[in-house]
Amino acid sequence: MTNRGRPPLLSDEVILKKALEAFASGGFEAMSVRALNANLGLSHETVSQRFGTKSELFLAAVNYGFQLFINDFNDELTRNDPTSDLEQLRALLRAFMFSTSRHPTLGELLHHMAIDEEQRNVIIGKTGLADQLMNAAELLRRLKSDGVIRDIQLRELWFMAQSAATPIHFSNVSQMFDLFDGPLDPDEHINRITDTIMRGLLA
């Protein structure tokens, strides 16, 4: 028999996924915990009782989202066994584009105008993203020093790789090109963009 007055039991994962989407949509200040409870069909104190303050919820949601991202990123890296710095760079690029295509909410959150510098630093520092960026920067430095690739900034590489997922996220617009290129295959698209970037990087 159904208890009509009892709110549904939802997993932490469901709540954190919706919270991450809400933060990415409106930014930290505009995100309403009360509205999140209502959208999930929960009593107005449920999310706070389980995750604490709004700031604590923000950090929990960000950690949840980036853990999924990093897991996918690492899974993609393990599919390759790079034997050189150049092959490692290609593997990192492909893994980043693959993970970005699967987790667009994280990009929206990082780039949202309503996310301030302190909150962005929390995202970068607490999720391990800073370590990944440091590793990528050192890899670029070695490759440039060895004369393997041309001079390129990490910022340039980040935005080139991130934009590669745009046709996957905006499938309705991407379909305009089906007449010329055929239907979009996400894996093939990521491989082609990876190859294009790598060719452009070679010294």
N, C-alpha and C. Protein backbone atom coordinates (compact mmCIF):
# COMPACT_ATOMS: atom_id res chain seq x y z
N MET A 1 0.85 -1.20 0.00
CA MET A 1 0.00 0.00 0.00
C MET A 1 0.89 1.25 0.00
N THR A 2 0.55 2.22 -0.83
CA THR A 2 1.36 3.42 -0.97
C THR A 2 1.10 4.41 0.15
N ASN A 3 2.18 4.97 0.71
CA ASN A 3 2.05 6.06 1.69
C ASN A 3 2.06 7.38 0.95
N ARG A 4 0.90 7.95 0.74
CA ARG A 4 0.80 9.14 -0.09
C ARG A 4 1.54 10.33 0.48
N GLY A 5 1.63 10.43 1.81
CA GLY A 5 2.25 11.61 2.41
C GLY A 5 3.76 11.52 2.52
N ARG A 6 4.34 10.35 2.21
CA ARG A 6 5.78 10.18 2.38
C ARG A 6 6.50 10.52 1.09
N PRO A 7 7.52 11.38 1.14
CA PRO A 7 8.27 11.72 -0.08
C PRO A 7 9.04 10.51 -0.58
N PRO A 8 9.34 10.43 -1.85
CA PRO A 8 10.05 9.28 -2.41
C PRO A 8 11.47 9.20 -1.89
N LEU A 9 11.98 7.96 -1.79
CA LEU A 9 13.36 7.76 -1.40
C LEU A 9 14.23 7.84 -2.65
N LEU A 10 15.16 8.77 -2.65
CA LEU A 10 16.03 8.95 -3.80
C LEU A 10 17.48 8.75 -3.37
N SER A 11 18.26 8.18 -4.25
CA SER A 11 19.67 7.95 -3.95
C SER A 11 20.43 9.28 -3.94
N ASP A 12 21.59 9.28 -3.28
CA ASP A 12 22.44 10.46 -3.29
C ASP A 12 22.81 10.83 -4.72
N GLU A 13 23.05 9.82 -5.56
CA GLU A 13 23.46 10.08 -6.94
C GLU A 13 22.40 10.86 -7.70
N VAL A 14 21.14 10.49 -7.53
CA VAL A 14 20.05 11.20 -8.22
C VAL A 14 19.99 12.65 -7.76
N ILE A 15 20.08 12.86 -6.46
CA ILE A 15 20.00 14.22 -5.92
C ILE A 15 21.20 15.06 -6.37
N LEU A 16 22.39 14.49 -6.30
CA LEU A 16 23.59 15.25 -6.68
C LEU A 16 23.61 15.57 -8.17
N LYS A 17 23.12 14.65 -8.99
CA LYS A 17 23.05 14.91 -10.43
C LYS A 17 22.13 16.10 -10.71
N LYS A 18 20.96 16.12 -10.07
CA LYS A 18 20.02 17.23 -10.27
C LYS A 18 20.56 18.52 -9.67
N ALA A 19 21.25 18.42 -8.55
CA ALA A 19 21.84 19.62 -7.94
C ALA A 19 22.92 20.20 -8.86
N LEU A 20 23.75 19.35 -9.44
CA LEU A 20 24.79 19.81 -10.35
C LEU A 20 24.18 20.52 -11.55
N GLU A 21 23.11 19.96 -12.10
CA GLU A 21 22.42 20.58 -13.23
C GLU A 21 21.85 21.94 -12.83
N ALA A 22 21.32 22.03 -11.61
CA ALA A 22 20.73 23.29 -11.15
C ALA A 22 21.81 24.36 -10.95
N PHE A 23 22.94 23.99 -10.36
CA PHE A 23 24.05 24.94 -10.20
C PHE A 23 24.57 25.40 -11.55
N ALA A 24 24.68 24.47 -12.50
CA ALA A 24 25.19 24.81 -13.83
C ALA A 24 24.23 25.70 -14.60
N SER A 25 22.94 25.53 -14.34
CA SER A 25 21.93 26.30 -15.07
C SER A 25 21.88 27.76 -14.64
N GLY A 26 21.90 28.01 -13.33
CA GLY A 26 21.72 29.38 -12.86
C GLY A 26 22.86 29.97 -12.08
N GLY A 27 23.88 29.14 -11.78
CA GLY A 27 24.96 29.62 -10.93
C GLY A 27 24.65 29.36 -9.46
N PHE A 28 25.63 29.65 -8.61
CA PHE A 28 25.49 29.31 -7.19
C PHE A 28 24.38 30.11 -6.51
N GLU A 29 24.39 31.43 -6.67
CA GLU A 29 23.44 32.27 -5.96
C GLU A 29 22.00 32.01 -6.38
N ALA A 30 21.80 31.80 -7.68
CA ALA A 30 20.44 31.63 -8.19
C ALA A 30 19.88 30.24 -7.89
N MET A 31 20.74 29.28 -7.62
CA MET A 31 20.27 27.93 -7.37
C MET A 31 19.49 27.88 -6.05
N SER A 32 18.29 27.33 -6.09
CA SER A 32 17.42 27.27 -4.92
C SER A 32 17.31 25.83 -4.42
N VAL A 33 17.75 25.61 -3.19
CA VAL A 33 17.65 24.28 -2.60
C VAL A 33 16.18 23.91 -2.40
N ARG A 34 15.37 24.88 -2.04
CA ARG A 34 13.94 24.62 -1.87
C ARG A 34 13.32 24.17 -3.19
N ALA A 35 13.69 24.85 -4.28
CA ALA A 35 13.18 24.46 -5.60
C ALA A 35 13.68 23.08 -6.00
N LEU A 36 14.93 22.76 -5.64
CA LEU A 36 15.47 21.43 -5.94
C LEU A 36 14.67 20.35 -5.23
N ASN A 37 14.37 20.58 -3.96
CA ASN A 37 13.53 19.63 -3.22
C ASN A 37 12.18 19.45 -3.91
N ALA A 38 11.58 20.56 -4.31
CA ALA A 38 10.26 20.50 -4.94
C ALA A 38 10.33 19.75 -6.27
N ASN A 39 11.37 20.01 -7.06
CA ASN A 39 11.50 19.35 -8.35
C ASN A 39 11.72 17.85 -8.22
N LEU A 40 12.34 17.46 -7.11
CA LEU A 40 12.59 16.05 -6.87
C LEU A 40 11.44 15.37 -6.13
N GLY A 41 10.43 16.17 -5.75
CA GLY A 41 9.30 15.62 -5.01
C GLY A 41 9.63 15.30 -3.57
N LEU A 42 10.58 16.04 -2.99
CA LEU A 42 11.01 15.82 -1.62
C LEU A 42 10.48 16.91 -0.70
N SER A 43 10.46 16.63 0.59
CA SER A 43 10.08 17.65 1.55
C SER A 43 11.14 18.74 1.55
N HIS A 44 10.79 19.95 1.97
CA HIS A 44 11.65 21.11 1.76
C HIS A 44 12.95 21.07 2.56
N GLU A 45 13.11 20.15 3.52
CA GLU A 45 14.33 20.06 4.31
C GLU A 45 15.19 18.86 3.94
N THR A 46 14.72 18.01 3.04
CA THR A 46 15.39 16.73 2.80
C THR A 46 16.83 16.90 2.32
N VAL A 47 17.05 17.73 1.29
CA VAL A 47 18.39 17.88 0.74
C VAL A 47 19.34 18.46 1.78
N SER A 48 18.89 19.45 2.53
CA SER A 48 19.74 20.05 3.57
C SER A 48 20.07 19.05 4.67
N GLN A 49 19.12 18.21 5.02
CA GLN A 49 19.37 17.21 6.05
C GLN A 49 20.41 16.19 5.60
N ARG A 50 20.44 15.91 4.31
CA ARG A 50 21.36 14.89 3.80
C ARG A 50 22.72 15.45 3.40
N PHE A 51 22.77 16.73 2.98
CA PHE A 51 24.02 17.26 2.45
C PHE A 51 24.51 18.51 3.15
N GLY A 52 23.74 19.04 4.10
CA GLY A 52 24.19 20.21 4.85
C GLY A 52 23.85 21.51 4.15
N THR A 53 24.74 22.48 4.27
CA THR A 53 24.50 23.81 3.74
C THR A 53 24.54 23.80 2.21
N LYS A 54 24.13 24.91 1.64
CA LYS A 54 24.17 25.05 0.19
C LYS A 54 25.60 24.93 -0.33
N SER A 55 26.56 25.50 0.38
CA SER A 55 27.96 25.39 -0.02
C SER A 55 28.44 23.94 0.03
N GLU A 56 28.02 23.22 1.06
CA GLU A 56 28.39 21.81 1.16
C GLU A 56 27.73 20.99 0.05
N LEU A 57 26.50 21.33 -0.29
CA LEU A 57 25.82 20.66 -1.40
C LEU A 57 26.55 20.94 -2.70
N PHE A 58 26.97 22.19 -2.89
CA PHE A 58 27.71 22.57 -4.10
C PHE A 58 28.97 21.72 -4.24
N LEU A 59 29.73 21.62 -3.18
CA LEU A 59 30.98 20.85 -3.22
C LEU A 59 30.70 19.37 -3.46
N ALA A 60 29.66 18.84 -2.82
CA ALA A 60 29.31 17.42 -3.01
C ALA A 60 28.89 17.15 -4.45
N ALA A 61 28.10 18.07 -5.02
CA ALA A 61 27.64 17.90 -6.39
C ALA A 61 28.80 17.99 -7.38
N VAL A 62 29.69 18.95 -7.15
CA VAL A 62 30.85 19.11 -8.02
C VAL A 62 31.76 17.88 -7.93
N ASN A 63 32.01 17.41 -6.72
CA ASN A 63 32.85 16.22 -6.55
C ASN A 63 32.22 15.00 -7.22
N TYR A 64 30.90 14.87 -7.10
CA TYR A 64 30.20 13.76 -7.73
C TYR A 64 30.37 13.82 -9.25
N GLY A 65 30.12 15.00 -9.84
CA GLY A 65 30.21 15.14 -11.29
C GLY A 65 31.61 14.92 -11.81
N PHE A 66 32.60 15.49 -11.12
CA PHE A 66 33.97 15.35 -11.60
C PHE A 66 34.51 13.95 -11.36
N GLN A 67 34.00 13.24 -10.37
CA GLN A 67 34.44 11.86 -10.18
C GLN A 67 34.00 11.00 -11.36
N LEU A 68 32.77 11.23 -11.83
CA LEU A 68 32.31 10.53 -13.02
C LEU A 68 33.18 10.88 -14.22
N PHE A 69 33.50 12.18 -14.35
CA PHE A 69 34.35 12.64 -15.45
C PHE A 69 35.71 11.97 -15.40
N ILE A 70 36.36 12.00 -14.23
CA ILE A 70 37.69 11.43 -14.08
C ILE A 70 37.67 9.92 -14.30
N ASN A 71 36.61 9.25 -13.84
CA ASN A 71 36.52 7.81 -14.07
C ASN A 71 36.48 7.49 -15.56
N ASP A 72 35.65 8.23 -16.31
CA ASP A 72 35.59 8.03 -17.75
C ASP A 72 36.91 8.38 -18.41
N PHE A 73 37.53 9.47 -17.94
CA PHE A 73 38.81 9.91 -18.46
C PHE A 73 39.87 8.82 -18.28
N ASN A 74 39.95 8.28 -17.08
CA ASN A 74 40.95 7.25 -16.80
C ASN A 74 40.65 5.96 -17.55
N ASP A 75 39.36 5.63 -17.68
CA ASP A 75 39.00 4.42 -18.45
C ASP A 75 39.45 4.54 -19.89
N GLU A 76 39.30 5.74 -20.47
CA GLU A 76 39.75 5.94 -21.85
C GLU A 76 41.26 5.85 -21.96
N LEU A 77 41.97 6.39 -20.97
CA LEU A 77 43.43 6.34 -21.00
C LEU A 77 43.93 4.90 -20.95
N THR A 78 43.25 4.05 -20.20
CA THR A 78 43.70 2.67 -20.07
C THR A 78 43.51 1.87 -21.36
N ARG A 79 42.70 2.41 -22.28
CA ARG A 79 42.54 1.73 -23.57
C ARG A 79 43.79 1.87 -24.44
N ASN A 80 44.66 2.77 -24.07
CA ASN A 80 45.88 3.03 -24.84
C ASN A 80 47.10 2.69 -23.99
N ASP A 81 48.18 2.41 -24.66
CA ASP A 81 49.45 2.15 -23.97
C ASP A 81 50.53 3.00 -24.64
N PRO A 82 50.49 4.32 -24.40
CA PRO A 82 51.41 5.21 -25.11
C PRO A 82 52.86 4.92 -24.74
N THR A 83 53.72 4.93 -25.76
CA THR A 83 55.13 4.64 -25.55
C THR A 83 56.00 5.89 -25.72
N SER A 84 55.38 7.00 -26.00
CA SER A 84 56.13 8.26 -26.16
C SER A 84 55.29 9.41 -25.63
N ASP A 85 55.93 10.55 -25.40
CA ASP A 85 55.19 11.73 -24.94
C ASP A 85 54.14 12.15 -25.97
N LEU A 86 54.46 12.02 -27.25
CA LEU A 86 53.52 12.43 -28.29
C LEU A 86 52.29 11.53 -28.28
N GLU A 87 52.49 10.24 -28.12
CA GLU A 87 51.35 9.32 -28.04
C GLU A 87 50.55 9.57 -26.76
N GLN A 88 51.25 9.94 -25.69
CA GLN A 88 50.55 10.25 -24.43
C GLN A 88 49.68 11.49 -24.61
N LEU A 89 50.19 12.50 -25.33
CA LEU A 89 49.40 13.70 -25.57
C LEU A 89 48.15 13.35 -26.37
N ARG A 90 48.29 12.52 -27.38
CA ARG A 90 47.13 12.11 -28.17
C ARG A 90 46.11 11.38 -27.30
N ALA A 91 46.60 10.49 -26.45
CA ALA A 91 45.70 9.75 -25.56
C ALA A 91 44.98 10.68 -24.59
N LEU A 92 45.70 11.67 -24.05
CA LEU A 92 45.09 12.64 -23.14
C LEU A 92 44.02 13.46 -23.85
N LEU A 93 44.32 13.91 -25.07
CA LEU A 93 43.35 14.69 -25.84
C LEU A 93 42.08 13.91 -26.08
N ARG A 94 42.23 12.68 -26.55
CA ARG A 94 41.07 11.88 -26.86
C ARG A 94 40.24 11.58 -25.61
N ALA A 95 40.93 11.25 -24.52
CA ALA A 95 40.22 10.95 -23.27
C ALA A 95 39.47 12.18 -22.77
N PHE A 96 40.09 13.35 -22.88
CA PHE A 96 39.42 14.58 -22.44
C PHE A 96 38.19 14.86 -23.28
N MET A 97 38.31 14.72 -24.60
CA MET A 97 37.16 14.99 -25.47
C MET A 97 36.04 13.98 -25.25
N PHE A 98 36.41 12.74 -25.04
CA PHE A 98 35.40 11.71 -24.77
C PHE A 98 34.65 12.02 -23.48
N SER A 99 35.39 12.33 -22.41
CA SER A 99 34.76 12.61 -21.12
C SER A 99 33.92 13.89 -21.18
N THR A 100 34.41 14.90 -21.89
CA THR A 100 33.66 16.14 -22.04
C THR A 100 32.36 15.90 -22.78
N SER A 101 32.37 15.03 -23.78
CA SER A 101 31.16 14.75 -24.55
C SER A 101 30.11 14.05 -23.69
N ARG A 102 30.55 13.33 -22.68
CA ARG A 102 29.62 12.58 -21.83
C ARG A 102 29.13 13.39 -20.63
N HIS A 103 29.84 14.47 -20.30
CA HIS A 103 29.50 15.24 -19.09
C HIS A 103 29.47 16.74 -19.40
N PRO A 104 28.53 17.17 -20.23
CA PRO A 104 28.48 18.59 -20.62
C PRO A 104 28.16 19.53 -19.47
N THR A 105 27.48 19.03 -18.44
CA THR A 105 27.11 19.89 -17.31
C THR A 105 28.32 20.50 -16.64
N LEU A 106 29.42 19.76 -16.58
CA LEU A 106 30.62 20.26 -15.92
C LEU A 106 31.19 21.46 -16.66
N GLY A 107 31.19 21.40 -17.99
CA GLY A 107 31.66 22.54 -18.77
C GLY A 107 30.78 23.75 -18.57
N GLU A 108 29.46 23.52 -18.53
CA GLU A 108 28.52 24.62 -18.29
C GLU A 108 28.79 25.27 -16.94
N LEU A 109 29.08 24.44 -15.94
CA LEU A 109 29.32 24.95 -14.60
C LEU A 109 30.61 25.77 -14.54
N LEU A 110 31.68 25.25 -15.12
CA LEU A 110 32.96 25.95 -15.09
C LEU A 110 32.89 27.30 -15.79
N HIS A 111 32.10 27.38 -16.87
CA HIS A 111 32.07 28.58 -17.69
C HIS A 111 30.94 29.53 -17.32
N HIS A 112 30.13 29.15 -16.35
CA HIS A 112 28.96 29.98 -16.02
C HIS A 112 29.41 31.30 -15.42
N MET A 113 28.85 32.38 -15.93
CA MET A 113 29.21 33.71 -15.45
C MET A 113 28.88 33.91 -13.98
N ALA A 114 27.89 33.15 -13.48
CA ALA A 114 27.47 33.33 -12.09
C ALA A 114 28.33 32.53 -11.10
N ILE A 115 29.26 31.74 -11.61
CA ILE A 115 30.21 31.04 -10.75
C ILE A 115 31.42 31.95 -10.54
N ASP A 116 31.67 32.35 -9.29
CA ASP A 116 32.75 33.30 -9.06
C ASP A 116 34.11 32.60 -8.97
N GLU A 117 35.16 33.39 -8.82
CA GLU A 117 36.51 32.84 -8.85
C GLU A 117 36.75 31.86 -7.71
N GLU A 118 36.23 32.18 -6.53
CA GLU A 118 36.43 31.30 -5.38
C GLU A 118 35.77 29.94 -5.62
N GLN A 119 34.54 29.95 -6.15
CA GLN A 119 33.84 28.69 -6.43
C GLN A 119 34.54 27.92 -7.55
N ARG A 120 35.04 28.65 -8.55
CA ARG A 120 35.76 27.98 -9.64
C ARG A 120 37.06 27.35 -9.12
N ASN A 121 37.73 28.04 -8.20
CA ASN A 121 38.94 27.48 -7.61
C ASN A 121 38.63 26.23 -6.79
N VAL A 122 37.47 26.22 -6.14
CA VAL A 122 37.04 25.02 -5.42
C VAL A 122 36.89 23.86 -6.39
N ILE A 123 36.24 24.13 -7.52
CA ILE A 123 36.03 23.09 -8.53
C ILE A 123 37.37 22.55 -9.02
N ILE A 124 38.28 23.46 -9.35
CA ILE A 124 39.56 23.06 -9.94
C ILE A 124 40.45 22.35 -8.91
N GLY A 125 40.44 22.86 -7.67
CA GLY A 125 41.34 22.32 -6.66
C GLY A 125 40.85 21.06 -5.98
N LYS A 126 39.56 20.99 -5.67
CA LYS A 126 39.04 19.89 -4.88
C LYS A 126 38.73 18.64 -5.69
N THR A 127 38.72 18.73 -7.00
CA THR A 127 38.31 17.60 -7.82
C THR A 127 39.47 16.87 -8.48
N GLY A 128 40.69 17.37 -8.33
CA GLY A 128 41.83 16.76 -8.99
C GLY A 128 42.09 17.33 -10.37
N LEU A 129 41.23 18.26 -10.82
CA LEU A 129 41.42 18.85 -12.13
C LEU A 129 42.74 19.62 -12.20
N ALA A 130 43.12 20.28 -11.10
CA ALA A 130 44.38 21.03 -11.08
C ALA A 130 45.57 20.12 -11.35
N ASP A 131 45.56 18.93 -10.77
CA ASP A 131 46.65 17.98 -10.98
C ASP A 131 46.72 17.54 -12.44
N GLN A 132 45.55 17.30 -13.03
CA GLN A 132 45.52 16.91 -14.44
C GLN A 132 46.07 18.02 -15.33
N LEU A 133 45.73 19.26 -15.01
CA LEU A 133 46.22 20.39 -15.80
C LEU A 133 47.73 20.55 -15.66
N MET A 134 48.24 20.33 -14.45
CA MET A 134 49.69 20.42 -14.23
C MET A 134 50.42 19.35 -15.04
N ASN A 135 49.87 18.14 -15.05
CA ASN A 135 50.49 17.05 -15.82
C ASN A 135 50.49 17.37 -17.31
N ALA A 136 49.37 17.91 -17.80
CA ALA A 136 49.28 18.26 -19.22
C ALA A 136 50.26 19.37 -19.57
N ALA A 137 50.38 20.37 -18.69
CA ALA A 137 51.30 21.48 -18.94
C ALA A 137 52.74 21.00 -19.00
N GLU A 138 53.11 20.09 -18.12
CA GLU A 138 54.47 19.54 -18.12
C GLU A 138 54.72 18.71 -19.38
N LEU A 139 53.71 17.97 -19.83
CA LEU A 139 53.84 17.19 -21.06
C LEU A 139 54.05 18.12 -22.25
N LEU A 140 53.28 19.19 -22.34
CA LEU A 140 53.47 20.16 -23.42
C LEU A 140 54.86 20.79 -23.36
N ARG A 141 55.33 21.10 -22.15
CA ARG A 141 56.65 21.72 -22.01
C ARG A 141 57.75 20.80 -22.55
N ARG A 142 57.66 19.51 -22.21
CA ARG A 142 58.67 18.57 -22.69
C ARG A 142 58.64 18.44 -24.21
N LEU A 143 57.44 18.34 -24.77
CA LEU A 143 57.32 18.17 -26.21
C LEU A 143 57.81 19.41 -26.96
N LYS A 144 57.53 20.59 -26.42
CA LYS A 144 58.02 21.83 -27.05
C LYS A 144 59.54 21.93 -26.91
N SER A 145 60.05 21.57 -25.74
CA SER A 145 61.48 21.64 -25.51
C SER A 145 62.25 20.69 -26.43
N ASP A 146 61.64 19.54 -26.72
CA ASP A 146 62.27 18.55 -27.60
C ASP A 146 62.07 18.86 -29.08
N GLY A 147 61.33 19.93 -29.38
CA GLY A 147 61.10 20.31 -30.76
C GLY A 147 60.11 19.42 -31.50
N VAL A 148 59.29 18.69 -30.73
CA VAL A 148 58.32 17.76 -31.36
C VAL A 148 57.06 18.50 -31.80
N ILE A 149 56.61 19.45 -30.99
CA ILE A 149 55.40 20.21 -31.31
C ILE A 149 55.73 21.70 -31.33
N ARG A 150 54.88 22.45 -31.99
CA ARG A 150 55.05 23.90 -32.02
C ARG A 150 54.64 24.50 -30.68
N ASP A 151 54.92 25.75 -30.50
CA ASP A 151 54.58 26.45 -29.26
C ASP A 151 53.06 26.61 -29.17
N ILE A 152 52.47 26.02 -28.15
CA ILE A 152 51.03 26.14 -27.95
C ILE A 152 50.77 26.24 -26.45
N GLN A 153 49.82 27.08 -26.10
CA GLN A 153 49.46 27.25 -24.69
C GLN A 153 48.44 26.20 -24.27
N LEU A 154 48.48 25.85 -22.99
CA LEU A 154 47.51 24.90 -22.46
C LEU A 154 46.08 25.42 -22.63
N ARG A 155 45.91 26.73 -22.47
CA ARG A 155 44.59 27.35 -22.67
C ARG A 155 44.06 27.08 -24.07
N GLU A 156 44.92 27.24 -25.08
CA GLU A 156 44.50 27.00 -26.46
C GLU A 156 44.06 25.56 -26.65
N LEU A 157 44.84 24.64 -26.10
CA LEU A 157 44.53 23.23 -26.26
C LEU A 157 43.23 22.87 -25.55
N TRP A 158 43.02 23.43 -24.36
CA TRP A 158 41.79 23.18 -23.60
C TRP A 158 40.56 23.55 -24.41
N PHE A 159 40.52 24.76 -24.95
CA PHE A 159 39.32 25.22 -25.64
C PHE A 159 39.14 24.54 -27.00
N MET A 160 40.23 24.19 -27.66
CA MET A 160 40.10 23.43 -28.90
C MET A 160 39.48 22.06 -28.62
N ALA A 161 39.99 21.39 -27.58
CA ALA A 161 39.50 20.06 -27.25
C ALA A 161 38.06 20.11 -26.74
N GLN A 162 37.75 21.12 -25.93
CA GLN A 162 36.40 21.21 -25.37
C GLN A 162 35.36 21.48 -26.46
N SER A 163 35.73 22.31 -27.44
CA SER A 163 34.78 22.63 -28.50
C SER A 163 34.48 21.44 -29.40
N ALA A 164 35.33 20.42 -29.35
CA ALA A 164 35.13 19.25 -30.20
C ALA A 164 33.83 18.53 -29.87
N ALA A 165 33.35 18.67 -28.64
CA ALA A 165 32.12 17.98 -28.23
C ALA A 165 30.86 18.74 -28.64
N THR A 166 31.00 19.93 -29.20
CA THR A 166 29.84 20.75 -29.54
C THR A 166 28.85 20.04 -30.46
N PRO A 167 29.29 19.39 -31.55
CA PRO A 167 28.31 18.71 -32.41
C PRO A 167 27.56 17.58 -31.70
N ILE A 168 28.18 16.99 -30.68
CA ILE A 168 27.53 15.91 -29.93
C ILE A 168 26.47 16.49 -29.01
N HIS A 169 26.76 17.63 -28.38
CA HIS A 169 25.81 18.25 -27.46
C HIS A 169 24.66 18.93 -28.20
N PHE A 170 24.94 19.49 -29.38
CA PHE A 170 23.93 20.22 -30.14
C PHE A 170 23.58 19.42 -31.40
N SER A 171 22.97 18.27 -31.16
CA SER A 171 22.71 17.32 -32.26
C SER A 171 21.76 17.89 -33.30
N ASN A 172 20.81 18.74 -32.89
CA ASN A 172 19.86 19.29 -33.87
C ASN A 172 20.57 20.15 -34.91
N VAL A 173 21.52 20.96 -34.46
CA VAL A 173 22.29 21.78 -35.39
C VAL A 173 23.23 20.89 -36.21
N SER A 174 23.83 19.90 -35.56
CA SER A 174 24.77 19.01 -36.24
C SER A 174 24.10 18.26 -37.40
N GLN A 175 22.80 18.00 -37.26
CA GLN A 175 22.09 17.26 -38.30
C GLN A 175 22.02 18.02 -39.62
N MET A 176 22.27 19.32 -39.60
CA MET A 176 22.30 20.09 -40.85
C MET A 176 23.36 19.56 -41.81
N PHE A 177 24.38 18.92 -41.25
CA PHE A 177 25.51 18.48 -42.07
C PHE A 177 25.41 17.01 -42.47
N ASP A 178 24.31 16.35 -42.07
CA ASP A 178 24.15 14.93 -42.42
C ASP A 178 24.11 14.73 -43.93
N LEU A 179 23.55 15.68 -44.65
CA LEU A 179 23.46 15.57 -46.11
C LEU A 179 24.85 15.50 -46.74
N PHE A 180 25.81 16.18 -46.13
CA PHE A 180 27.16 16.25 -46.69
C PHE A 180 28.10 15.19 -46.09
N ASP A 181 27.96 14.96 -44.78
CA ASP A 181 28.92 14.12 -44.07
C ASP A 181 28.35 12.79 -43.58
N GLY A 182 27.02 12.63 -43.70
CA GLY A 182 26.39 11.46 -43.10
C GLY A 182 26.10 11.69 -41.63
N PRO A 183 25.33 10.80 -41.01
CA PRO A 183 25.00 10.96 -39.58
C PRO A 183 26.26 10.99 -38.72
N LEU A 184 26.18 11.73 -37.63
CA LEU A 184 27.33 11.88 -36.74
C LEU A 184 27.54 10.60 -35.93
N ASP A 185 28.76 10.09 -35.98
CA ASP A 185 29.20 9.00 -35.11
C ASP A 185 30.12 9.63 -34.07
N PRO A 186 29.70 9.70 -32.80
CA PRO A 186 30.50 10.42 -31.79
C PRO A 186 31.94 9.92 -31.68
N ASP A 187 32.14 8.60 -31.67
CA ASP A 187 33.50 8.08 -31.55
C ASP A 187 34.34 8.45 -32.75
N GLU A 188 33.78 8.31 -33.94
CA GLU A 188 34.52 8.67 -35.14
C GLU A 188 34.83 10.17 -35.15
N HIS A 189 33.86 10.97 -34.72
CA HIS A 189 34.07 12.42 -34.68
C HIS A 189 35.23 12.77 -33.76
N ILE A 190 35.26 12.19 -32.57
CA ILE A 190 36.33 12.48 -31.62
C ILE A 190 37.68 12.02 -32.16
N ASN A 191 37.71 10.87 -32.82
CA ASN A 191 38.96 10.39 -33.41
C ASN A 191 39.45 11.34 -34.50
N ARG A 192 38.53 11.81 -35.34
CA ARG A 192 38.91 12.71 -36.43
C ARG A 192 39.44 14.04 -35.89
N ILE A 193 38.75 14.58 -34.88
CA ILE A 193 39.20 15.85 -34.30
C ILE A 193 40.57 15.67 -33.61
N THR A 194 40.74 14.54 -32.93
CA THR A 194 42.03 14.27 -32.30
C THR A 194 43.14 14.26 -33.33
N ASP A 195 42.89 13.57 -34.45
CA ASP A 195 43.90 13.53 -35.51
C ASP A 195 44.19 14.91 -36.08
N THR A 196 43.13 15.70 -36.27
CA THR A 196 43.29 17.04 -36.83
C THR A 196 44.14 17.92 -35.90
N ILE A 197 43.84 17.88 -34.59
CA ILE A 197 44.60 18.68 -33.64
C ILE A 197 46.05 18.24 -33.59
N MET A 198 46.26 16.93 -33.56
CA MET A 198 47.63 16.42 -33.47
C MET A 198 48.45 16.81 -34.70
N ARG A 199 47.84 16.74 -35.88
CA ARG A 199 48.58 17.16 -37.08
C ARG A 199 48.97 18.62 -37.00
N GLY A 200 48.05 19.44 -36.47
CA GLY A 200 48.32 20.87 -36.38
C GLY A 200 49.38 21.22 -35.33
N LEU A 201 49.60 20.31 -34.38
CA LEU A 201 50.57 20.57 -33.32
C LEU A 201 52.00 20.24 -33.71
N LEU A 202 52.17 19.37 -34.68
CA LEU A 202 53.51 18.92 -35.03
C LEU A 202 54.38 20.07 -35.53
N ALA A 203 55.61 20.10 -35.07
CA ALA A 203 56.53 21.17 -35.46
C ALA A 203 56.96 21.01 -36.91
